[in-house]
Amino acid sequence: MRLWLCGLLTLLLAGCDTGNRQLAAESLLYCIEGAPLTFNPQLVTSSETLDATAHQLYDRLLDIDPNNQQPMPALALSWSRSDDALRYRFVLRPGVTFHQTAWFSPSRPLNAEDVVFSFRRLMDQGHPYHGVSGGRYPFFDSIGWRELVREVNALSSHEVEFVLSRPDASFLANLATDYAVVLSAEYAEQLLGQGTPQLLDQQPVGTGPFLLGQYRTDEFIRYHRHPTHWRGAARLGQLVFDITPKSSKRLAKLLTGECDVMAHPGTSQLSVIREHPALELSQATGMNVAVLALNTLKPPFNDIRVRKALSLALNREDILHAVYFDIGSLAESLLPPVSWGYHPNLLMPLPDMSRARFLLEQAGLEKGFDLTLLVPAGARTFNPDGLKTGQLIQRRLAELGIRVRLLSLEEQILRRELILGEQDAVLTGWSADTPDPDNMLRNLLSCQAIAAGTNASRWCHPLFERQLDLALSEPSLASRIRHYQLAQELAFQDMAIIPLVHSLKLQAHRTPVKGLRLQPYGGVAFHQAYKE
């Protein structure tokens, strides 16, 4: 056991005296799979980063109501929309405090200046912070934020207006995503004056229920309670994210009490968790999908016959059984059945090796070819074991003479490869941040998402784009559903991407931990968590 963890557990869990017992009761250790790439969710699509930061350190203008899936007030108390749907005004909640840390002491509560700073950074390429930390904002780039939002203006200290270039029915939902966090403009100005603007994303300051106390790279993150959080102080005085890449080690720590909560339990571990009297398993229907993305701009995958042949060769039932242990469902399209944009009439074909061989012969590839398949290292919410999934695909395609080389990559390296766009194929997916279908469809298959690295198939179809745009311009839900279904039909007919499985979201914890709630979208939140 690592020495730092021994010391930490001695402090948190060993009830040597009343003070330590109280500290242990107010502290929670969460075993996670990977380290955050940054402390600013705007910069990534990494689920590890979002889980570690979005709901711990920050707040958003809006949240999603888990009961009706509609936007609800958060930092914004209220909002209004102009008749032409091009202007949105938000009235900010008064008295919202920023974190007091070792590196920053706020002189004022949140105001309109902070909102303007947070969102202008994303859209204004001349903004002093736009290029800091790389200048990429994957989620916002993929939804075309710079083209959509013309202006963000402070109308008063507590009123902000967004001016759009066109109506967008997903605009409010996008402001409720994990990525749409509000930063401190005052802190940013201080760092700029010191010549260290990069620290904005490394030593974070937000308004969230916890503030950063200590980060030891690839080992742990220690958060402390934000005592003046606008929702009320969290019941936990201390929240520790213990970075443990191997699922087996996370489970071992959960069993011994070294961790209170475990992220991404392996599907093969579920029976152990269910049968253990000191553990509980939480699961929720996931707004997610795992996919095989073939690079449609690169031969031979630019030939639809090849894409269809590979889809016919796959046995998705085997993947569901062997990788997910049937904790999920086969994906017929990108959207899962729980989505209001789901298309009930799309069905992926059953495995047919004879038909697959015929299509490869028609494409002049009857002798097969070499293929490098990129797979994510570790677990993802949409795929608990990318390497095992890749191995099953490798075996099936070998029957067609296709020689698959598996290349397992960490998240940051994988994202860099997808931005370069030279890959043959990749196992990837998407976990939706809102219930709006646009969130999944646009990030996985829109033309703009190619540059952002979230459209791994690099498929770009003007009619598909047209349907997505029409869906955003329609006020009627029925009309929006029809446009999203037409978009899914286009992607399905062109085999733009091969959907595999919709998984359930899973989390395991020790029985004294209460107040945790899994949602079908978005990251984890501990504001309401406590220990009995």
Protein backbone atom coordinates (compact mmCIF):
# COMPACT_ATOMS: atom_id res chain seq x y z
CA MET A 1 0.00 0.00 0.00
CA ARG A 2 1.22 3.44 -0.84
CA LEU A 3 2.55 5.35 2.17
CA TRP A 4 0.40 8.41 1.49
CA LEU A 5 -2.74 6.28 1.53
CA CYS A 6 -1.74 4.62 4.79
CA GLY A 7 -1.40 8.04 6.38
CA LEU A 8 -4.65 9.23 4.84
CA LEU A 9 -6.59 6.21 6.06
CA THR A 10 -5.08 6.52 9.49
CA LEU A 11 -6.40 10.06 9.62
CA LEU A 12 -9.80 9.38 8.07
CA LEU A 13 -10.78 5.88 9.09
CA ALA A 14 -8.99 4.86 12.23
CA GLY A 15 -11.28 5.78 15.09
CA CYS A 16 -8.51 6.39 17.60
CA ASP A 17 -10.35 9.18 19.38
CA THR A 18 -13.49 11.25 19.18
CA GLY A 19 -11.94 13.85 16.88
CA ASN A 20 -10.77 11.28 14.37
CA ARG A 21 -14.11 9.46 14.48
CA GLN A 22 -15.89 12.73 13.72
CA LEU A 23 -13.48 13.47 10.87
CA ALA A 24 -14.02 9.97 9.43
CA ALA A 25 -17.79 10.42 9.63
CA GLU A 26 -17.57 13.68 7.69
CA SER A 27 -15.10 12.36 5.11
CA LEU A 28 -15.71 10.23 2.07
CA LEU A 29 -13.19 8.38 -0.12
CA TYR A 30 -14.23 7.82 -3.72
CA CYS A 31 -12.17 5.36 -5.76
CA ILE A 32 -11.98 6.51 -9.38
CA GLU A 33 -10.40 4.97 -12.43
CA GLY A 34 -8.27 7.81 -13.80
CA ALA A 35 -6.82 11.21 -13.09
CA PRO A 36 -8.39 14.42 -14.40
CA LEU A 37 -6.70 15.97 -17.42
CA THR A 38 -7.47 19.46 -16.13
CA PHE A 39 -9.59 21.14 -13.47
CA ASN A 40 -11.69 22.99 -16.06
CA PRO A 41 -14.49 20.91 -17.68
CA GLN A 42 -14.69 23.35 -20.61
CA LEU A 43 -11.46 21.89 -22.01
CA VAL A 44 -12.31 18.18 -22.24
CA THR A 45 -14.82 15.43 -22.87
CA SER A 46 -13.06 13.04 -20.47
CA SER A 47 -15.55 11.42 -18.08
CA GLU A 48 -12.87 11.15 -15.37
CA THR A 49 -12.28 14.90 -15.56
CA LEU A 50 -15.99 15.70 -15.55
CA ASP A 51 -16.66 13.43 -12.57
CA ALA A 52 -13.80 14.93 -10.61
CA THR A 53 -14.58 18.57 -11.30
CA ALA A 54 -17.92 19.57 -12.83
CA HIS A 55 -20.24 19.07 -9.85
CA GLN A 56 -17.64 19.33 -7.11
CA LEU A 57 -15.93 22.63 -7.96
CA TYR A 58 -18.43 24.47 -10.13
CA ASP A 59 -22.02 25.44 -10.77
CA ARG A 60 -23.87 26.27 -13.99
CA LEU A 61 -26.51 28.81 -14.87
CA LEU A 62 -29.05 25.99 -15.11
CA ASP A 63 -29.42 22.39 -13.99
CA ILE A 64 -31.59 19.61 -15.38
CA ASP A 65 -34.56 18.58 -13.23
CA PRO A 66 -34.18 14.79 -12.79
CA ASN A 67 -37.95 14.34 -12.58
CA ASN A 68 -39.11 16.08 -15.77
CA GLN A 69 -35.75 16.47 -17.61
CA GLN A 70 -36.36 20.20 -18.08
CA PRO A 71 -33.94 23.06 -17.27
CA MET A 72 -34.26 24.40 -13.75
CA PRO A 73 -32.70 27.39 -11.93
CA ALA A 74 -29.15 27.14 -10.58
CA LEU A 75 -26.86 30.19 -10.69
CA ALA A 76 -29.61 31.82 -12.73
CA LEU A 77 -32.77 32.40 -10.71
CA SER A 78 -34.88 33.01 -13.79
CA TRP A 79 -34.63 33.53 -17.53
CA SER A 80 -36.67 34.85 -20.44
CA ARG A 81 -36.55 34.48 -24.21
CA SER A 82 -37.37 37.04 -26.87
CA ASP A 83 -40.23 36.38 -29.30
CA ASP A 84 -37.79 35.69 -32.13
CA ALA A 85 -35.88 33.18 -29.90
CA LEU A 86 -32.60 35.02 -30.50
CA ARG A 87 -32.12 36.66 -27.09
CA TYR A 88 -32.00 34.98 -23.70
CA ARG A 89 -31.80 37.03 -20.50
CA PHE A 90 -30.75 35.48 -17.19
CA VAL A 91 -31.21 36.99 -13.73
CA LEU A 92 -28.40 35.76 -11.48
CA ARG A 93 -28.82 34.48 -7.96
CA PRO A 94 -27.54 37.05 -5.44
CA GLY A 95 -24.90 36.33 -2.82
CA VAL A 96 -23.22 33.36 -4.52
CA THR A 97 -19.70 33.08 -3.13
CA PHE A 98 -16.51 31.90 -4.82
CA HIS A 99 -14.00 29.62 -3.12
CA GLN A 100 -11.54 31.07 -0.63
CA THR A 101 -8.30 29.16 -1.29
CA ALA A 102 -4.60 29.38 -0.60
CA TRP A 103 -4.16 31.02 -4.02
CA PHE A 104 -7.19 33.33 -4.20
CA SER A 105 -9.34 35.45 -1.90
CA PRO A 106 -12.47 36.75 -3.64
CA SER A 107 -13.46 40.34 -2.94
CA ARG A 108 -17.03 40.01 -4.20
CA PRO A 109 -19.76 37.44 -4.90
CA LEU A 110 -20.58 36.13 -8.35
CA ASN A 111 -21.88 38.71 -10.82
CA ALA A 112 -22.58 39.11 -14.54
CA GLU A 113 -18.91 39.77 -15.27
CA ASP A 114 -18.08 36.16 -14.35
CA VAL A 115 -20.68 34.74 -16.71
CA VAL A 116 -19.55 36.99 -19.55
CA PHE A 117 -15.91 35.99 -19.00
CA SER A 118 -16.69 32.25 -18.85
CA PHE A 119 -18.56 32.18 -22.15
CA ARG A 120 -16.72 34.83 -24.14
CA ARG A 121 -13.54 32.84 -23.59
CA LEU A 122 -15.09 30.03 -25.62
CA MET A 123 -16.26 32.12 -28.57
CA ASP A 124 -13.84 35.04 -28.96
CA GLN A 125 -10.56 33.96 -30.53
CA GLY A 126 -9.06 37.32 -29.56
CA HIS A 127 -9.96 36.86 -25.89
CA PRO A 128 -6.83 36.80 -23.67
CA TYR A 129 -7.85 33.41 -22.29
CA HIS A 130 -9.11 31.76 -25.48
CA GLY A 131 -5.77 30.17 -26.38
CA VAL A 132 -4.75 29.34 -22.80
CA SER A 133 -4.44 25.58 -22.14
CA GLY A 134 -4.54 24.79 -25.85
CA GLY A 135 -7.52 26.79 -27.06
CA ARG A 136 -9.71 23.74 -27.67
CA TYR A 137 -13.19 23.42 -26.20
CA PRO A 138 -14.39 20.06 -27.62
CA PHE A 139 -18.02 20.15 -26.55
CA PHE A 140 -18.55 23.78 -27.51
CA ASP A 141 -16.62 23.38 -30.76
CA SER A 142 -18.72 20.37 -31.75
CA ILE A 143 -22.01 22.22 -31.22
CA GLY A 144 -20.77 25.28 -33.13
CA TRP A 145 -20.80 27.66 -30.16
CA ARG A 146 -18.81 30.40 -31.93
CA GLU A 147 -21.24 30.41 -34.85
CA LEU A 148 -24.32 30.19 -32.63
CA VAL A 149 -23.59 32.83 -29.97
CA ARG A 150 -23.01 36.31 -31.35
CA GLU A 151 -22.71 38.18 -28.06
CA VAL A 152 -22.69 37.69 -24.30
CA ASN A 153 -23.35 40.96 -22.49
CA ALA A 154 -23.78 42.13 -18.90
CA LEU A 155 -26.94 44.24 -18.74
CA SER A 156 -26.39 44.92 -15.05
CA SER A 157 -24.41 43.36 -12.23
CA HIS A 158 -26.97 40.54 -11.98
CA GLU A 159 -28.41 40.28 -15.48
CA VAL A 160 -26.78 38.67 -18.53
CA GLU A 161 -27.97 38.47 -22.12
CA PHE A 162 -26.96 35.91 -24.76
CA VAL A 163 -27.60 36.96 -28.36
CA LEU A 164 -27.87 34.07 -30.84
CA SER A 165 -27.38 34.07 -34.59
CA ARG A 166 -30.30 31.65 -35.04
CA PRO A 167 -32.97 29.97 -32.90
CA ASP A 168 -31.65 26.91 -31.05
CA ALA A 169 -34.03 24.70 -29.09
CA SER A 170 -31.09 23.02 -27.32
CA PHE A 171 -29.54 26.26 -26.06
CA LEU A 172 -30.89 26.05 -22.50
CA ALA A 173 -30.03 22.35 -22.25
CA ASN A 174 -26.46 23.09 -23.34
CA LEU A 175 -26.14 25.66 -20.55
CA ALA A 176 -27.00 22.87 -18.10
CA THR A 177 -24.26 20.49 -19.27
CA ASP A 178 -21.22 19.61 -17.18
CA TYR A 179 -19.11 21.73 -19.55
CA ALA A 180 -20.98 25.02 -19.08
CA VAL A 181 -19.34 25.98 -15.77
CA VAL A 182 -18.96 29.53 -14.53
CA LEU A 183 -15.44 30.69 -13.60
CA SER A 184 -14.23 33.70 -11.63
CA ALA A 185 -13.38 36.70 -13.79
CA GLU A 186 -11.68 38.34 -10.81
CA TYR A 187 -9.37 35.35 -10.35
CA ALA A 188 -8.65 35.29 -14.10
CA GLU A 189 -7.70 38.98 -14.03
CA GLN A 190 -5.38 38.39 -11.08
CA LEU A 191 -3.60 35.53 -12.86
CA LEU A 192 -3.28 37.52 -16.07
CA GLY A 193 -1.63 40.32 -14.14
CA GLN A 194 0.79 37.83 -12.60
CA GLY A 195 1.64 36.33 -16.01
CA THR A 196 0.29 32.90 -15.04
CA PRO A 197 -3.09 32.57 -16.85
CA GLN A 198 -2.66 28.79 -17.21
CA LEU A 199 -3.25 28.40 -13.46
CA LEU A 200 -6.93 29.21 -14.02
CA ASP A 201 -7.36 25.63 -15.25
CA GLN A 202 -4.86 24.03 -12.85
CA GLN A 203 -5.58 25.72 -9.52
CA PRO A 204 -9.35 26.08 -9.82
CA VAL A 205 -11.71 28.56 -8.23
CA GLY A 206 -15.44 28.01 -8.60
CA THR A 207 -18.68 28.38 -6.68
CA GLY A 208 -19.31 24.64 -6.22
CA PRO A 209 -19.95 22.72 -2.98
CA PHE A 210 -16.28 21.72 -2.61
CA LEU A 211 -12.98 23.51 -3.12
CA LEU A 212 -9.63 22.03 -4.03
CA GLY A 213 -7.34 21.38 -1.07
CA GLN A 214 -4.60 19.22 -2.55
CA TYR A 215 -3.86 17.26 -5.72
CA ARG A 216 -1.11 14.70 -5.89
CA THR A 217 -0.76 13.76 -9.56
CA ASP A 218 -2.13 10.30 -10.39
CA GLU A 219 -2.63 9.52 -6.69
CA PHE A 220 -5.42 11.53 -5.08
CA ILE A 221 -7.46 14.73 -5.03
CA ARG A 222 -8.53 16.18 -1.70
CA TYR A 223 -11.52 18.52 -1.61
CA HIS A 224 -12.80 20.51 1.36
CA ARG A 225 -16.32 21.70 2.00
CA HIS A 226 -17.21 25.15 0.65
CA PRO A 227 -18.84 26.49 3.82
CA THR A 228 -20.86 29.24 2.17
CA HIS A 229 -22.20 27.35 -0.84
CA TRP A 230 -25.49 28.83 -2.02
CA ARG A 231 -27.33 25.51 -1.71
CA GLY A 232 -26.11 25.17 1.88
CA ALA A 233 -22.87 23.61 3.06
CA ALA A 234 -22.30 19.98 2.10
CA ARG A 235 -22.60 17.47 4.94
CA LEU A 236 -19.19 16.08 4.01
CA GLY A 237 -16.31 18.09 5.39
CA GLN A 238 -13.82 16.35 3.16
CA LEU A 239 -14.07 14.47 -0.14
CA VAL A 240 -11.10 12.47 -1.41
CA PHE A 241 -10.85 11.05 -4.94
CA ASP A 242 -8.47 8.07 -4.77
CA ILE A 243 -7.08 7.35 -8.25
CA THR A 244 -6.98 3.56 -8.69
CA PRO A 245 -6.88 2.46 -12.35
CA LYS A 246 -7.52 -1.26 -11.86
CA SER A 247 -11.10 -2.25 -11.17
CA SER A 248 -9.98 -5.21 -9.06
CA LYS A 249 -8.02 -2.91 -6.74
CA ARG A 250 -10.95 -0.50 -6.46
CA LEU A 251 -13.18 -3.38 -5.39
CA ALA A 252 -10.58 -4.63 -2.89
CA LYS A 253 -10.43 -1.16 -1.32
CA LEU A 254 -14.21 -1.01 -1.19
CA LEU A 255 -14.38 -4.41 0.52
CA THR A 256 -11.79 -3.46 3.15
CA GLY A 257 -13.29 -0.03 3.78
CA GLU A 258 -10.36 1.87 2.30
CA CYS A 259 -12.87 3.43 -0.07
CA ASP A 260 -16.49 4.36 0.63
CA VAL A 261 -17.64 4.55 -2.99
CA MET A 262 -16.32 2.82 -6.12
CA ALA A 263 -16.63 4.19 -9.65
CA HIS A 264 -17.20 1.89 -12.63
CA PRO A 265 -17.43 -1.53 -10.97
CA GLY A 266 -16.63 -4.25 -13.47
CA THR A 267 -19.63 -6.22 -14.66
CA SER A 268 -17.89 -9.43 -13.57
CA GLN A 269 -17.77 -7.99 -10.02
CA LEU A 270 -21.46 -7.27 -9.66
CA SER A 271 -22.38 -10.61 -8.07
CA VAL A 272 -19.71 -10.09 -5.38
CA ILE A 273 -21.04 -6.60 -4.65
CA ARG A 274 -24.68 -7.68 -4.57
CA GLU A 275 -23.98 -10.56 -2.18
CA HIS A 276 -21.77 -8.64 0.24
CA PRO A 277 -23.74 -7.45 3.30
CA ALA A 278 -21.69 -4.25 3.69
CA LEU A 279 -22.06 -3.09 0.07
CA GLU A 280 -24.81 -1.65 -2.10
CA LEU A 281 -25.02 -1.37 -5.88
CA SER A 282 -26.71 1.55 -7.60
CA GLN A 283 -27.65 1.50 -11.26
CA ALA A 284 -29.47 3.83 -13.61
CA THR A 285 -30.52 3.67 -17.22
CA GLY A 286 -27.74 5.29 -19.18
CA MET A 287 -28.15 7.91 -21.88
CA ASN A 288 -25.09 6.53 -23.62
CA VAL A 289 -23.87 4.38 -26.47
CA ALA A 290 -20.71 2.45 -27.28
CA VAL A 291 -19.78 2.44 -30.97
CA LEU A 292 -17.23 1.18 -33.47
CA ALA A 293 -16.23 4.19 -35.56
CA LEU A 294 -14.55 3.48 -38.91
CA ASN A 295 -12.69 6.38 -40.50
CA THR A 296 -15.00 7.08 -43.45
CA LEU A 297 -12.46 9.43 -45.05
CA LYS A 298 -9.80 6.73 -45.28
CA PRO A 299 -9.71 3.74 -47.65
CA PRO A 300 -11.10 1.14 -47.50
CA PHE A 301 -13.62 2.47 -44.96
CA ASN A 302 -14.78 5.19 -47.34
CA ASP A 303 -16.53 2.34 -49.20
CA ILE A 304 -19.98 1.72 -47.71
CA ARG A 305 -19.73 -1.94 -48.71
CA VAL A 306 -16.75 -2.36 -46.38
CA ARG A 307 -18.53 -0.61 -43.52
CA LYS A 308 -21.58 -2.80 -43.98
CA ALA A 309 -19.43 -5.93 -44.21
CA LEU A 310 -17.78 -5.17 -40.88
CA SER A 311 -21.13 -4.45 -39.23
CA LEU A 312 -22.46 -7.80 -40.49
CA ALA A 313 -19.40 -9.60 -39.14
CA LEU A 314 -19.79 -8.36 -35.58
CA ASN A 315 -21.64 -10.39 -32.98
CA ARG A 316 -22.95 -7.70 -30.68
CA GLU A 317 -24.71 -10.29 -28.52
CA ASP A 318 -21.29 -11.73 -27.64
CA ILE A 319 -20.09 -8.26 -26.64
CA LEU A 320 -23.18 -7.70 -24.49
CA HIS A 321 -22.70 -11.06 -22.73
CA ALA A 322 -18.92 -11.18 -22.37
CA VAL A 323 -18.12 -7.50 -21.71
CA TYR A 324 -21.31 -6.10 -20.15
CA PHE A 325 -22.58 -9.34 -18.55
CA ASP A 326 -25.99 -8.39 -19.96
CA ILE A 327 -26.03 -5.16 -17.93
CA GLY A 328 -27.28 -3.10 -20.84
CA SER A 329 -29.02 -3.53 -24.18
CA LEU A 330 -28.06 -3.86 -27.83
CA ALA A 331 -27.92 -0.51 -29.62
CA GLU A 332 -29.97 -0.36 -32.80
CA SER A 333 -29.22 3.32 -33.30
CA LEU A 334 -27.24 5.93 -31.42
CA LEU A 335 -30.09 7.07 -29.17
CA PRO A 336 -31.23 4.65 -26.45
CA PRO A 337 -34.92 3.83 -25.94
CA VAL A 338 -35.11 6.19 -22.92
CA SER A 339 -34.43 9.17 -25.21
CA TRP A 340 -37.43 11.10 -26.47
CA GLY A 341 -35.77 11.16 -29.89
CA TYR A 342 -35.41 7.36 -30.11
CA HIS A 343 -36.25 5.80 -33.50
CA PRO A 344 -38.19 2.55 -32.88
CA ASN A 345 -38.02 1.29 -36.46
CA LEU A 346 -34.26 1.03 -36.88
CA LEU A 347 -32.81 -2.45 -36.38
CA MET A 348 -29.20 -3.45 -36.87
CA PRO A 349 -28.86 -6.58 -39.07
CA LEU A 350 -28.07 -9.93 -37.48
CA PRO A 351 -24.55 -11.33 -37.99
CA ASP A 352 -24.15 -12.75 -41.50
CA MET A 353 -20.64 -13.83 -42.47
CA SER A 354 -21.69 -14.97 -45.94
CA ARG A 355 -23.13 -11.58 -46.77
CA ALA A 356 -20.07 -9.88 -45.25
CA ARG A 357 -17.71 -11.92 -47.46
CA PHE A 358 -19.82 -11.11 -50.53
CA LEU A 359 -19.59 -7.35 -49.83
CA LEU A 360 -15.82 -7.52 -49.35
CA GLU A 361 -15.49 -9.41 -52.65
CA GLN A 362 -17.55 -6.71 -54.36
CA ALA A 363 -15.14 -4.13 -52.91
CA GLY A 364 -12.12 -6.12 -54.16
CA LEU A 365 -11.01 -7.07 -50.65
CA GLU A 366 -11.74 -10.78 -50.61
CA LYS A 367 -8.24 -11.43 -49.24
CA GLY A 368 -8.81 -9.10 -46.31
CA PHE A 369 -6.64 -6.22 -45.12
CA ASP A 370 -4.82 -4.83 -42.08
CA LEU A 371 -6.64 -2.65 -39.59
CA THR A 372 -5.44 -0.85 -36.46
CA LEU A 373 -8.21 -0.48 -33.89
CA LEU A 374 -7.71 2.15 -31.19
CA VAL A 375 -9.27 1.21 -27.86
CA PRO A 376 -9.55 3.33 -24.70
CA ALA A 377 -7.48 2.16 -21.76
CA GLY A 378 -9.63 1.35 -18.73
CA ALA A 379 -13.37 1.60 -18.21
CA ARG A 380 -15.79 4.14 -19.59
CA THR A 381 -19.41 4.70 -18.62
CA PHE A 382 -20.42 3.41 -22.06
CA ASN A 383 -17.90 0.55 -22.18
CA PRO A 384 -16.54 -1.21 -19.07
CA ASP A 385 -13.68 -2.91 -20.96
CA GLY A 386 -12.56 -1.51 -24.30
CA LEU A 387 -9.72 -4.00 -24.69
CA LYS A 388 -11.97 -7.03 -24.23
CA THR A 389 -14.47 -5.55 -26.67
CA GLY A 390 -11.63 -5.05 -29.14
CA GLN A 391 -10.49 -8.64 -28.74
CA LEU A 392 -13.98 -9.94 -29.55
CA ILE A 393 -14.10 -7.75 -32.67
CA GLN A 394 -10.58 -8.90 -33.58
CA ARG A 395 -11.62 -12.57 -33.51
CA ARG A 396 -14.74 -12.02 -35.61
CA LEU A 397 -12.98 -9.98 -38.29
CA ALA A 398 -10.18 -12.55 -38.50
CA GLU A 399 -12.75 -14.90 -40.06
CA LEU A 400 -12.90 -12.46 -42.99
CA GLY A 401 -9.12 -12.26 -43.33
CA ILE A 402 -9.05 -8.85 -41.66
CA ARG A 403 -5.97 -8.62 -39.47
CA VAL A 404 -6.78 -6.34 -36.53
CA ARG A 405 -4.03 -4.82 -34.40
CA LEU A 406 -5.31 -3.49 -31.09
CA LEU A 407 -3.75 -0.31 -29.73
CA SER A 408 -4.79 0.69 -26.20
CA LEU A 409 -4.38 4.42 -25.50
CA GLU A 410 -4.91 6.68 -22.51
CA GLU A 411 -7.65 9.28 -22.88
CA GLN A 412 -5.43 12.27 -23.67
CA ILE A 413 -3.39 10.42 -26.30
CA LEU A 414 -6.52 8.87 -27.82
CA ARG A 415 -8.17 12.28 -28.13
CA ARG A 416 -5.04 13.66 -29.81
CA GLU A 417 -5.12 10.83 -32.36
CA LEU A 418 -8.77 11.47 -33.15
CA ILE A 419 -8.12 15.17 -33.73
CA LEU A 420 -5.30 14.27 -36.15
CA GLY A 421 -7.77 11.97 -37.91
CA GLU A 422 -5.34 9.39 -39.29
CA GLN A 423 -6.80 6.38 -37.41
CA ASP A 424 -8.36 3.37 -39.12
CA ALA A 425 -10.98 2.70 -36.49
CA VAL A 426 -11.68 3.38 -32.84
CA LEU A 427 -13.89 2.00 -30.10
CA THR A 428 -15.55 5.03 -28.61
CA GLY A 429 -18.97 6.30 -27.56
CA TRP A 430 -20.80 9.09 -25.82
CA SER A 431 -22.50 9.62 -22.47
CA ALA A 432 -25.14 12.31 -22.84
CA ASP A 433 -24.94 15.39 -20.65
CA THR A 434 -28.59 16.33 -21.18
CA PRO A 435 -31.74 14.48 -22.31
CA ASP A 436 -31.75 16.45 -25.58
CA PRO A 437 -30.97 14.14 -28.57
CA ASP A 438 -28.84 16.87 -30.13
CA ASN A 439 -26.25 16.33 -27.41
CA MET A 440 -25.47 12.81 -28.60
CA LEU A 441 -26.13 13.07 -32.35
CA ARG A 442 -24.23 16.29 -32.91
CA ASN A 443 -21.20 15.30 -30.86
CA LEU A 444 -20.86 11.90 -32.51
CA LEU A 445 -21.66 12.67 -36.15
CA SER A 446 -21.80 16.37 -37.01
CA CYS A 447 -19.29 17.92 -39.39
CA GLN A 448 -18.10 20.41 -36.76
CA ALA A 449 -17.44 17.57 -34.30
CA ILE A 450 -14.70 16.21 -36.60
CA ALA A 451 -12.27 18.99 -35.65
CA ALA A 452 -13.27 18.62 -32.00
CA GLY A 453 -12.28 14.94 -32.07
CA THR A 454 -15.67 13.64 -30.94
CA ASN A 455 -16.77 12.58 -34.44
CA ALA A 456 -14.32 9.68 -34.74
CA SER A 457 -15.84 8.31 -37.96
CA ARG A 458 -15.22 11.69 -39.65
CA TRP A 459 -18.53 11.21 -41.51
CA CYS A 460 -20.04 14.48 -42.68
CA HIS A 461 -23.37 14.60 -44.50
CA PRO A 462 -25.15 17.88 -45.41
CA LEU A 463 -28.62 16.33 -45.16
CA PHE A 464 -27.84 15.00 -41.69
CA GLU A 465 -26.66 18.48 -40.67
CA ARG A 466 -29.81 19.96 -42.16
CA GLN A 467 -32.05 17.70 -40.06
CA LEU A 468 -30.17 18.56 -36.86
CA ASP A 469 -30.42 22.27 -37.61
CA LEU A 470 -34.15 22.02 -38.44
CA ALA A 471 -34.72 20.18 -35.15
CA LEU A 472 -33.17 23.10 -33.28
CA SER A 473 -35.31 25.65 -35.10
CA GLU A 474 -38.61 23.92 -34.31
CA PRO A 475 -40.61 24.87 -31.20
CA SER A 476 -42.82 21.76 -31.53
CA LEU A 477 -41.53 18.63 -29.78
CA ALA A 478 -43.24 16.37 -32.33
CA SER A 479 -41.49 18.19 -35.18
CA ARG A 480 -38.15 17.97 -33.41
CA ILE A 481 -38.59 14.22 -32.92
CA ARG A 482 -39.32 13.76 -36.62
CA HIS A 483 -36.18 15.64 -37.67
CA TYR A 484 -34.00 13.66 -35.26
CA GLN A 485 -35.48 10.40 -36.54
CA LEU A 486 -34.77 11.41 -40.14
CA ALA A 487 -31.19 12.22 -39.14
CA GLN A 488 -30.82 8.78 -37.56
CA GLU A 489 -32.19 7.14 -40.72
CA LEU A 490 -29.54 8.89 -42.83
CA ALA A 491 -26.73 7.78 -40.53
CA PHE A 492 -28.15 4.26 -40.41
CA GLN A 493 -28.45 3.92 -44.20
CA ASP A 494 -24.91 5.19 -44.75
CA MET A 495 -23.50 3.07 -41.89
CA ALA A 496 -21.85 6.23 -40.61
CA ILE A 497 -21.02 4.54 -37.33
CA ILE A 498 -21.68 1.06 -35.92
CA PRO A 499 -23.67 1.19 -32.65
CA LEU A 500 -22.88 -1.60 -30.21
CA VAL A 501 -24.40 -1.38 -26.74
CA HIS A 502 -26.26 0.97 -24.40
CA SER A 503 -24.92 0.36 -20.89
CA LEU A 504 -26.32 1.03 -17.44
CA LYS A 505 -24.56 3.47 -15.14
CA LEU A 506 -23.18 1.62 -12.14
CA GLN A 507 -21.79 2.68 -8.79
CA ALA A 508 -20.99 0.66 -5.67
CA HIS A 509 -20.74 1.99 -2.14
CA ARG A 510 -20.60 0.89 1.46
CA THR A 511 -23.94 0.81 3.28
CA PRO A 512 -23.27 3.78 5.63
CA VAL A 513 -23.03 6.10 2.60
CA LYS A 514 -26.33 7.82 1.87
CA GLY A 515 -27.55 10.59 -0.41
CA LEU A 516 -25.96 9.36 -3.64
CA ARG A 517 -28.14 9.46 -6.74
CA LEU A 518 -27.22 8.21 -10.18
CA GLN A 519 -28.74 10.05 -13.13
CA PRO A 520 -28.90 8.91 -16.75
CA TYR A 521 -26.81 11.93 -17.83
CA GLY A 522 -24.09 14.09 -16.36
CA GLY A 523 -21.32 13.34 -13.88
CA VAL A 524 -21.34 12.36 -10.22
CA ALA A 525 -22.30 14.78 -7.45
CA PHE A 526 -21.60 14.52 -3.73
CA HIS A 527 -23.26 17.65 -2.38
CA GLN A 528 -26.04 15.63 -0.72
CA ALA A 529 -23.89 12.64 0.27
CA TYR A 530 -23.26 11.77 3.90
CA LYS A 531 -22.33 8.82 6.11
CA GLU A 532 -24.48 7.39 8.86
